Amino acid sequence: MSRAYLPVLMLLGFVVTNAILIVALSALTMRSRPTPVKQNPYESGMPTLGDARERFSVKFYLIAILFIIFDIETVFMIPWGVYYRQLSCTVPLARGICPADSVSFFGLGEMLVFMVILFIGLIYVWKKGALQWD
């Protein structure tokens, strides 16, 4: 085994040992006093309302799916932003700079097309009333 991996293995061993030690100590020192109030689910400071197995409206799931779609849009914009200079230059970059006569519209144009398609989708969903909660 290479000596280069020794610090990583030592750190990994320390982390695993520390985790096991903390869990064991908390199990040994814990006093169990269950009460009905402690057994209730608790989230965000709000008391529970109704059964945990109640049905949700389809609108809830539709809004969740739309949020995921438009959240993924931002994930696609990050690599585009990183490679924007290279996408907007017709020749390879020289020291990170594009020569003035080689600038193109391609890098900006492809993101504009992507954004227009998403905007049309948003308008379609809006006109269909999918964003109305009532």
N, C-alpha and C. Protein backbone atom coordinates (compact mmCIF):
# COMPACT_ATOMS: atom_id res chain seq x y z
N MET A 1 0.84 -1.18 0.00
CA MET A 1 0.00 0.00 0.00
C MET A 1 0.89 1.24 0.00
N SER A 2 0.46 2.23 -0.73
CA SER A 2 1.24 3.45 -0.85
C SER A 2 1.13 4.27 0.44
N ARG A 3 2.22 4.95 0.77
CA ARG A 3 2.22 5.79 1.98
C ARG A 3 1.37 7.04 1.80
N ALA A 4 1.01 7.36 0.56
CA ALA A 4 0.19 8.54 0.31
C ALA A 4 -1.22 8.36 0.87
N TYR A 5 -1.69 7.11 0.96
CA TYR A 5 -3.03 6.85 1.46
C TYR A 5 -3.10 6.75 2.98
N LEU A 6 -1.99 6.73 3.66
CA LEU A 6 -1.97 6.57 5.10
C LEU A 6 -2.72 7.69 5.84
N PRO A 7 -2.53 8.97 5.51
CA PRO A 7 -3.31 10.01 6.20
C PRO A 7 -4.82 9.87 5.98
N VAL A 8 -5.21 9.48 4.79
CA VAL A 8 -6.63 9.31 4.49
C VAL A 8 -7.21 8.16 5.32
N LEU A 9 -6.48 7.06 5.38
CA LEU A 9 -6.94 5.92 6.17
C LEU A 9 -6.97 6.24 7.66
N MET A 10 -6.01 7.03 8.13
CA MET A 10 -6.02 7.43 9.53
C MET A 10 -7.24 8.32 9.83
N LEU A 11 -7.53 9.25 8.94
CA LEU A 11 -8.69 10.11 9.11
C LEU A 11 -9.98 9.29 9.09
N LEU A 12 -10.09 8.36 8.16
CA LEU A 12 -11.26 7.51 8.07
C LEU A 12 -11.42 6.68 9.34
N GLY A 13 -10.32 6.12 9.84
CA GLY A 13 -10.37 5.35 11.08
C GLY A 13 -10.80 6.21 12.26
N PHE A 14 -10.29 7.44 12.33
CA PHE A 14 -10.68 8.35 13.41
C PHE A 14 -12.16 8.68 13.34
N VAL A 15 -12.67 8.94 12.16
CA VAL A 15 -14.08 9.30 12.00
C VAL A 15 -14.98 8.13 12.40
N VAL A 16 -14.66 6.94 11.94
CA VAL A 16 -15.49 5.77 12.26
C VAL A 16 -15.44 5.49 13.77
N THR A 17 -14.25 5.55 14.35
CA THR A 17 -14.11 5.31 15.79
C THR A 17 -14.87 6.37 16.59
N ASN A 18 -14.77 7.60 16.18
CA ASN A 18 -15.47 8.69 16.85
C ASN A 18 -16.99 8.49 16.77
N ALA A 19 -17.49 8.11 15.61
CA ALA A 19 -18.93 7.91 15.44
C ALA A 19 -19.42 6.77 16.32
N ILE A 20 -18.71 5.67 16.33
CA ILE A 20 -19.10 4.53 17.17
C ILE A 20 -19.06 4.92 18.64
N LEU A 21 -18.04 5.63 19.05
CA LEU A 21 -17.89 6.04 20.44
C LEU A 21 -19.03 6.97 20.87
N ILE A 22 -19.39 7.91 20.04
CA ILE A 22 -20.47 8.85 20.38
C ILE A 22 -21.81 8.12 20.49
N VAL A 23 -22.10 7.21 19.57
CA VAL A 23 -23.36 6.46 19.63
C VAL A 23 -23.38 5.57 20.87
N ALA A 24 -22.27 4.91 21.18
CA ALA A 24 -22.22 4.04 22.36
C ALA A 24 -22.38 4.84 23.64
N LEU A 25 -21.71 5.98 23.75
CA LEU A 25 -21.83 6.80 24.95
C LEU A 25 -23.25 7.34 25.14
N SER A 26 -23.88 7.74 24.06
CA SER A 26 -25.25 8.24 24.19
C SER A 26 -26.21 7.12 24.57
N ALA A 27 -25.98 5.90 24.09
CA ALA A 27 -26.84 4.77 24.46
C ALA A 27 -26.64 4.39 25.93
N LEU A 28 -25.41 4.51 26.43
CA LEU A 28 -25.13 4.16 27.82
C LEU A 28 -25.64 5.21 28.81
N THR A 29 -25.59 6.46 28.45
CA THR A 29 -25.96 7.52 29.39
C THR A 29 -27.40 8.00 29.25
N MET A 30 -28.15 7.47 28.31
CA MET A 30 -29.51 7.93 28.06
C MET A 30 -30.47 7.39 29.12
N ARG A 31 -31.35 8.24 29.61
CA ARG A 31 -32.43 7.82 30.50
C ARG A 31 -33.72 7.82 29.69
N SER A 32 -34.33 6.67 29.56
CA SER A 32 -35.54 6.56 28.75
C SER A 32 -36.76 6.84 29.61
N ARG A 33 -37.46 7.92 29.31
CA ARG A 33 -38.70 8.28 30.00
C ARG A 33 -39.77 8.62 28.96
N PRO A 34 -40.28 7.63 28.26
CA PRO A 34 -41.27 7.94 27.22
C PRO A 34 -42.59 8.40 27.83
N THR A 35 -43.15 9.45 27.25
CA THR A 35 -44.48 9.94 27.61
C THR A 35 -45.27 10.10 26.31
N PRO A 36 -46.58 10.17 26.41
CA PRO A 36 -47.35 10.36 25.17
C PRO A 36 -46.97 11.62 24.40
N VAL A 37 -46.62 12.68 25.13
CA VAL A 37 -46.22 13.91 24.45
C VAL A 37 -44.91 13.72 23.71
N LYS A 38 -43.95 13.01 24.30
CA LYS A 38 -42.66 12.78 23.65
C LYS A 38 -42.78 11.83 22.46
N GLN A 39 -43.79 10.98 22.45
CA GLN A 39 -43.95 10.02 21.37
C GLN A 39 -44.65 10.61 20.15
N ASN A 40 -45.23 11.79 20.27
CA ASN A 40 -45.89 12.44 19.14
C ASN A 40 -44.86 12.93 18.13
N PRO A 41 -45.17 12.82 16.84
CA PRO A 41 -44.27 13.41 15.85
C PRO A 41 -44.26 14.93 15.97
N TYR A 42 -43.13 15.52 15.70
CA TYR A 42 -42.96 16.96 15.87
C TYR A 42 -42.15 17.48 14.70
N GLU A 43 -42.66 18.52 14.05
CA GLU A 43 -41.93 19.06 12.91
C GLU A 43 -42.11 20.56 12.85
N SER A 44 -41.02 21.26 12.83
CA SER A 44 -40.99 22.71 12.62
C SER A 44 -41.78 23.49 13.67
N GLY A 45 -41.92 22.97 14.85
CA GLY A 45 -42.60 23.69 15.91
C GLY A 45 -44.10 23.67 15.80
N MET A 46 -44.64 22.95 14.85
CA MET A 46 -46.09 22.91 14.66
C MET A 46 -46.65 21.62 15.25
N PRO A 47 -47.74 21.71 15.99
CA PRO A 47 -48.37 20.48 16.48
C PRO A 47 -48.97 19.70 15.32
N THR A 48 -49.10 18.40 15.51
CA THR A 48 -49.63 17.56 14.44
C THR A 48 -51.11 17.84 14.24
N LEU A 49 -51.53 17.81 12.99
CA LEU A 49 -52.93 18.02 12.64
C LEU A 49 -53.40 16.83 11.84
N GLY A 50 -54.28 16.06 12.39
CA GLY A 50 -54.85 14.95 11.67
C GLY A 50 -53.93 13.75 11.60
N ASP A 51 -54.29 12.82 10.72
CA ASP A 51 -53.56 11.57 10.56
C ASP A 51 -52.40 11.77 9.59
N ALA A 52 -51.34 11.01 9.80
CA ALA A 52 -50.18 11.11 8.92
C ALA A 52 -50.46 10.49 7.55
N ARG A 53 -51.51 9.72 7.45
CA ARG A 53 -51.82 9.03 6.20
C ARG A 53 -52.96 9.69 5.43
N GLU A 54 -53.19 10.98 5.66
CA GLU A 54 -54.27 11.66 4.95
C GLU A 54 -53.87 11.90 3.50
N ARG A 55 -54.85 12.02 2.66
CA ARG A 55 -54.59 12.18 1.23
C ARG A 55 -54.28 13.64 0.91
N PHE A 56 -53.34 13.79 -0.03
CA PHE A 56 -52.99 15.12 -0.51
C PHE A 56 -53.65 15.36 -1.86
N SER A 57 -53.88 16.60 -2.15
CA SER A 57 -54.46 16.97 -3.44
C SER A 57 -53.44 16.71 -4.55
N VAL A 58 -53.96 16.42 -5.73
CA VAL A 58 -53.09 16.22 -6.89
C VAL A 58 -52.33 17.50 -7.20
N LYS A 59 -52.92 18.65 -6.88
CA LYS A 59 -52.25 19.94 -7.11
C LYS A 59 -50.93 20.02 -6.37
N PHE A 60 -50.87 19.43 -5.18
CA PHE A 60 -49.63 19.44 -4.40
C PHE A 60 -48.52 18.74 -5.18
N TYR A 61 -48.82 17.58 -5.73
CA TYR A 61 -47.82 16.83 -6.48
C TYR A 61 -47.46 17.54 -7.78
N LEU A 62 -48.43 18.18 -8.41
CA LEU A 62 -48.16 18.92 -9.64
C LEU A 62 -47.22 20.09 -9.38
N ILE A 63 -47.46 20.82 -8.29
CA ILE A 63 -46.56 21.93 -7.93
C ILE A 63 -45.17 21.38 -7.61
N ALA A 64 -45.09 20.25 -6.93
CA ALA A 64 -43.79 19.66 -6.58
C ALA A 64 -43.03 19.26 -7.84
N ILE A 65 -43.70 18.68 -8.81
CA ILE A 65 -43.04 18.29 -10.06
C ILE A 65 -42.58 19.53 -10.83
N LEU A 66 -43.41 20.56 -10.86
CA LEU A 66 -43.01 21.79 -11.54
C LEU A 66 -41.81 22.43 -10.86
N PHE A 67 -41.78 22.38 -9.53
CA PHE A 67 -40.63 22.92 -8.81
C PHE A 67 -39.36 22.15 -9.19
N ILE A 68 -39.45 20.84 -9.26
CA ILE A 68 -38.28 20.03 -9.62
C ILE A 68 -37.83 20.36 -11.04
N ILE A 69 -38.77 20.51 -11.96
CA ILE A 69 -38.39 20.83 -13.35
C ILE A 69 -37.66 22.17 -13.42
N PHE A 70 -38.18 23.19 -12.76
CA PHE A 70 -37.54 24.49 -12.83
C PHE A 70 -36.30 24.57 -11.95
N ASP A 71 -36.17 23.68 -10.99
CA ASP A 71 -34.94 23.59 -10.21
C ASP A 71 -33.83 22.94 -11.04
N ILE A 72 -34.20 21.96 -11.83
CA ILE A 72 -33.22 21.31 -12.70
C ILE A 72 -32.72 22.29 -13.76
N GLU A 73 -33.56 23.25 -14.12
CA GLU A 73 -33.13 24.29 -15.06
C GLU A 73 -31.87 24.98 -14.56
N THR A 74 -31.84 25.31 -13.28
CA THR A 74 -30.66 25.98 -12.74
C THR A 74 -29.44 25.06 -12.74
N VAL A 75 -29.67 23.76 -12.58
CA VAL A 75 -28.55 22.82 -12.63
C VAL A 75 -27.94 22.79 -14.02
N PHE A 76 -28.76 22.96 -15.05
CA PHE A 76 -28.23 23.00 -16.42
C PHE A 76 -27.54 24.32 -16.72
N MET A 77 -27.89 25.38 -15.99
CA MET A 77 -27.28 26.68 -16.25
C MET A 77 -25.88 26.80 -15.65
N ILE A 78 -25.56 26.02 -14.64
CA ILE A 78 -24.24 26.11 -14.00
C ILE A 78 -23.13 25.69 -14.97
N PRO A 79 -23.20 24.52 -15.61
CA PRO A 79 -22.12 24.20 -16.55
C PRO A 79 -22.08 25.14 -17.76
N TRP A 80 -23.24 25.65 -18.16
CA TRP A 80 -23.25 26.61 -19.25
C TRP A 80 -22.48 27.87 -18.85
N GLY A 81 -22.70 28.34 -17.62
CA GLY A 81 -21.99 29.52 -17.16
C GLY A 81 -20.49 29.30 -17.05
N VAL A 82 -20.09 28.09 -16.69
CA VAL A 82 -18.67 27.79 -16.58
C VAL A 82 -18.00 27.80 -17.95
N TYR A 83 -18.67 27.28 -18.97
CA TYR A 83 -18.09 27.17 -20.31
C TYR A 83 -18.56 28.27 -21.26
N TYR A 84 -19.13 29.35 -20.72
CA TYR A 84 -19.69 30.39 -21.58
C TYR A 84 -18.63 30.99 -22.52
N ARG A 85 -17.46 31.28 -22.00
CA ARG A 85 -16.42 31.87 -22.86
C ARG A 85 -16.04 30.95 -24.01
N GLN A 86 -15.90 29.66 -23.71
CA GLN A 86 -15.52 28.72 -24.75
C GLN A 86 -16.63 28.52 -25.77
N LEU A 87 -17.89 28.58 -25.31
CA LEU A 87 -19.02 28.40 -26.23
C LEU A 87 -19.22 29.62 -27.13
N SER A 88 -18.78 30.78 -26.69
CA SER A 88 -18.98 32.00 -27.46
C SER A 88 -17.75 32.41 -28.26
N CYS A 89 -16.81 31.52 -28.43
CA CYS A 89 -15.61 31.82 -29.18
C CYS A 89 -15.44 30.78 -30.29
N THR A 90 -15.22 31.22 -31.52
CA THR A 90 -15.11 30.29 -32.63
C THR A 90 -13.75 29.63 -32.73
N VAL A 91 -12.76 30.16 -32.02
CA VAL A 91 -11.42 29.57 -32.01
C VAL A 91 -11.08 29.21 -30.57
N PRO A 92 -10.09 28.33 -30.36
CA PRO A 92 -9.71 28.02 -28.98
C PRO A 92 -9.23 29.28 -28.24
N LEU A 93 -9.55 29.34 -26.95
CA LEU A 93 -9.17 30.49 -26.15
C LEU A 93 -7.66 30.58 -25.98
N ALA A 94 -7.14 31.79 -26.05
CA ALA A 94 -5.71 32.03 -25.83
C ALA A 94 -5.57 32.69 -24.46
N ARG A 95 -5.04 31.96 -23.49
CA ARG A 95 -4.88 32.44 -22.11
C ARG A 95 -6.20 32.90 -21.50
N GLY A 96 -7.29 32.17 -21.81
CA GLY A 96 -8.60 32.48 -21.25
C GLY A 96 -9.32 33.63 -21.89
N ILE A 97 -8.77 34.15 -23.01
CA ILE A 97 -9.37 35.31 -23.67
C ILE A 97 -9.71 34.95 -25.11
N CYS A 98 -10.87 35.38 -25.55
CA CYS A 98 -11.28 35.16 -26.93
C CYS A 98 -10.88 36.38 -27.76
N PRO A 99 -10.22 36.17 -28.90
CA PRO A 99 -9.88 37.31 -29.75
C PRO A 99 -11.15 38.05 -30.20
N ALA A 100 -11.03 39.35 -30.36
CA ALA A 100 -12.19 40.21 -30.65
C ALA A 100 -12.91 39.81 -31.94
N ASP A 101 -12.20 39.32 -32.95
CA ASP A 101 -12.85 38.98 -34.21
C ASP A 101 -13.43 37.57 -34.22
N SER A 102 -13.35 36.86 -33.10
CA SER A 102 -13.82 35.47 -33.03
C SER A 102 -15.00 35.26 -32.09
N VAL A 103 -15.61 36.32 -31.62
CA VAL A 103 -16.74 36.20 -30.70
C VAL A 103 -17.98 35.81 -31.50
N SER A 104 -18.74 34.83 -30.99
CA SER A 104 -19.97 34.40 -31.68
C SER A 104 -21.16 34.48 -30.73
N PHE A 105 -22.33 34.30 -31.27
CA PHE A 105 -23.58 34.35 -30.53
C PHE A 105 -23.99 32.98 -30.02
N PHE A 106 -23.24 31.94 -30.34
CA PHE A 106 -23.65 30.57 -30.06
C PHE A 106 -23.87 30.31 -28.57
N GLY A 107 -22.94 30.72 -27.73
CA GLY A 107 -23.04 30.45 -26.29
C GLY A 107 -24.27 31.07 -25.66
N LEU A 108 -24.53 32.32 -25.99
CA LEU A 108 -25.71 33.00 -25.47
C LEU A 108 -26.98 32.49 -26.14
N GLY A 109 -26.89 32.22 -27.43
CA GLY A 109 -28.05 31.78 -28.19
C GLY A 109 -28.61 30.45 -27.71
N GLU A 110 -27.73 29.51 -27.40
CA GLU A 110 -28.26 28.22 -26.97
C GLU A 110 -28.95 28.31 -25.61
N MET A 111 -28.47 29.17 -24.72
CA MET A 111 -29.15 29.33 -23.44
C MET A 111 -30.45 30.10 -23.61
N LEU A 112 -30.48 31.06 -24.53
CA LEU A 112 -31.73 31.77 -24.78
C LEU A 112 -32.80 30.84 -25.33
N VAL A 113 -32.42 29.92 -26.21
CA VAL A 113 -33.37 28.93 -26.73
C VAL A 113 -33.89 28.06 -25.59
N PHE A 114 -33.00 27.61 -24.73
CA PHE A 114 -33.38 26.79 -23.57
C PHE A 114 -34.35 27.54 -22.67
N MET A 115 -34.04 28.81 -22.38
CA MET A 115 -34.89 29.61 -21.51
C MET A 115 -36.25 29.90 -22.16
N VAL A 116 -36.28 30.13 -23.46
CA VAL A 116 -37.55 30.38 -24.16
C VAL A 116 -38.44 29.15 -24.10
N ILE A 117 -37.86 27.96 -24.30
CA ILE A 117 -38.65 26.73 -24.22
C ILE A 117 -39.23 26.56 -22.81
N LEU A 118 -38.43 26.81 -21.79
CA LEU A 118 -38.93 26.70 -20.42
C LEU A 118 -39.99 27.77 -20.13
N PHE A 119 -39.80 28.96 -20.65
CA PHE A 119 -40.77 30.03 -20.43
C PHE A 119 -42.10 29.71 -21.11
N ILE A 120 -42.05 29.12 -22.28
CA ILE A 120 -43.29 28.70 -22.97
C ILE A 120 -43.99 27.62 -22.15
N GLY A 121 -43.20 26.70 -21.59
CA GLY A 121 -43.78 25.68 -20.72
C GLY A 121 -44.42 26.27 -19.48
N LEU A 122 -43.79 27.29 -18.89
CA LEU A 122 -44.35 27.95 -17.72
C LEU A 122 -45.65 28.67 -18.06
N ILE A 123 -45.69 29.35 -19.18
CA ILE A 123 -46.92 30.03 -19.60
C ILE A 123 -48.03 29.02 -19.86
N TYR A 124 -47.70 27.90 -20.48
CA TYR A 124 -48.69 26.84 -20.73
C TYR A 124 -49.28 26.33 -19.42
N VAL A 125 -48.42 26.05 -18.45
CA VAL A 125 -48.87 25.54 -17.15
C VAL A 125 -49.71 26.61 -16.44
N TRP A 126 -49.31 27.85 -16.56
CA TRP A 126 -50.03 28.95 -15.93
C TRP A 126 -51.43 29.10 -16.54
N LYS A 127 -51.50 29.04 -17.88
CA LYS A 127 -52.81 29.19 -18.57
C LYS A 127 -53.73 28.01 -18.26
N LYS A 128 -53.18 26.82 -18.06
CA LYS A 128 -53.98 25.65 -17.73
C LYS A 128 -54.49 25.70 -16.30
N GLY A 129 -53.95 26.61 -15.48
CA GLY A 129 -54.40 26.76 -14.10
C GLY A 129 -53.74 25.80 -13.12
N ALA A 130 -52.59 25.23 -13.51
CA ALA A 130 -51.92 24.27 -12.64
C ALA A 130 -51.29 24.95 -11.42
N LEU A 131 -51.07 26.25 -11.49
CA LEU A 131 -50.46 26.96 -10.37
C LEU A 131 -51.50 27.52 -9.39
N GLN A 132 -52.78 27.35 -9.70
CA GLN A 132 -53.85 27.78 -8.80
C GLN A 132 -54.06 26.73 -7.73
N TRP A 133 -53.98 27.13 -6.48
CA TRP A 133 -54.03 26.16 -5.39
C TRP A 133 -55.47 25.82 -4.98
N ASP A 134 -56.45 26.69 -5.22
CA ASP A 134 -57.81 26.43 -4.75
C ASP A 134 -58.59 25.54 -5.66
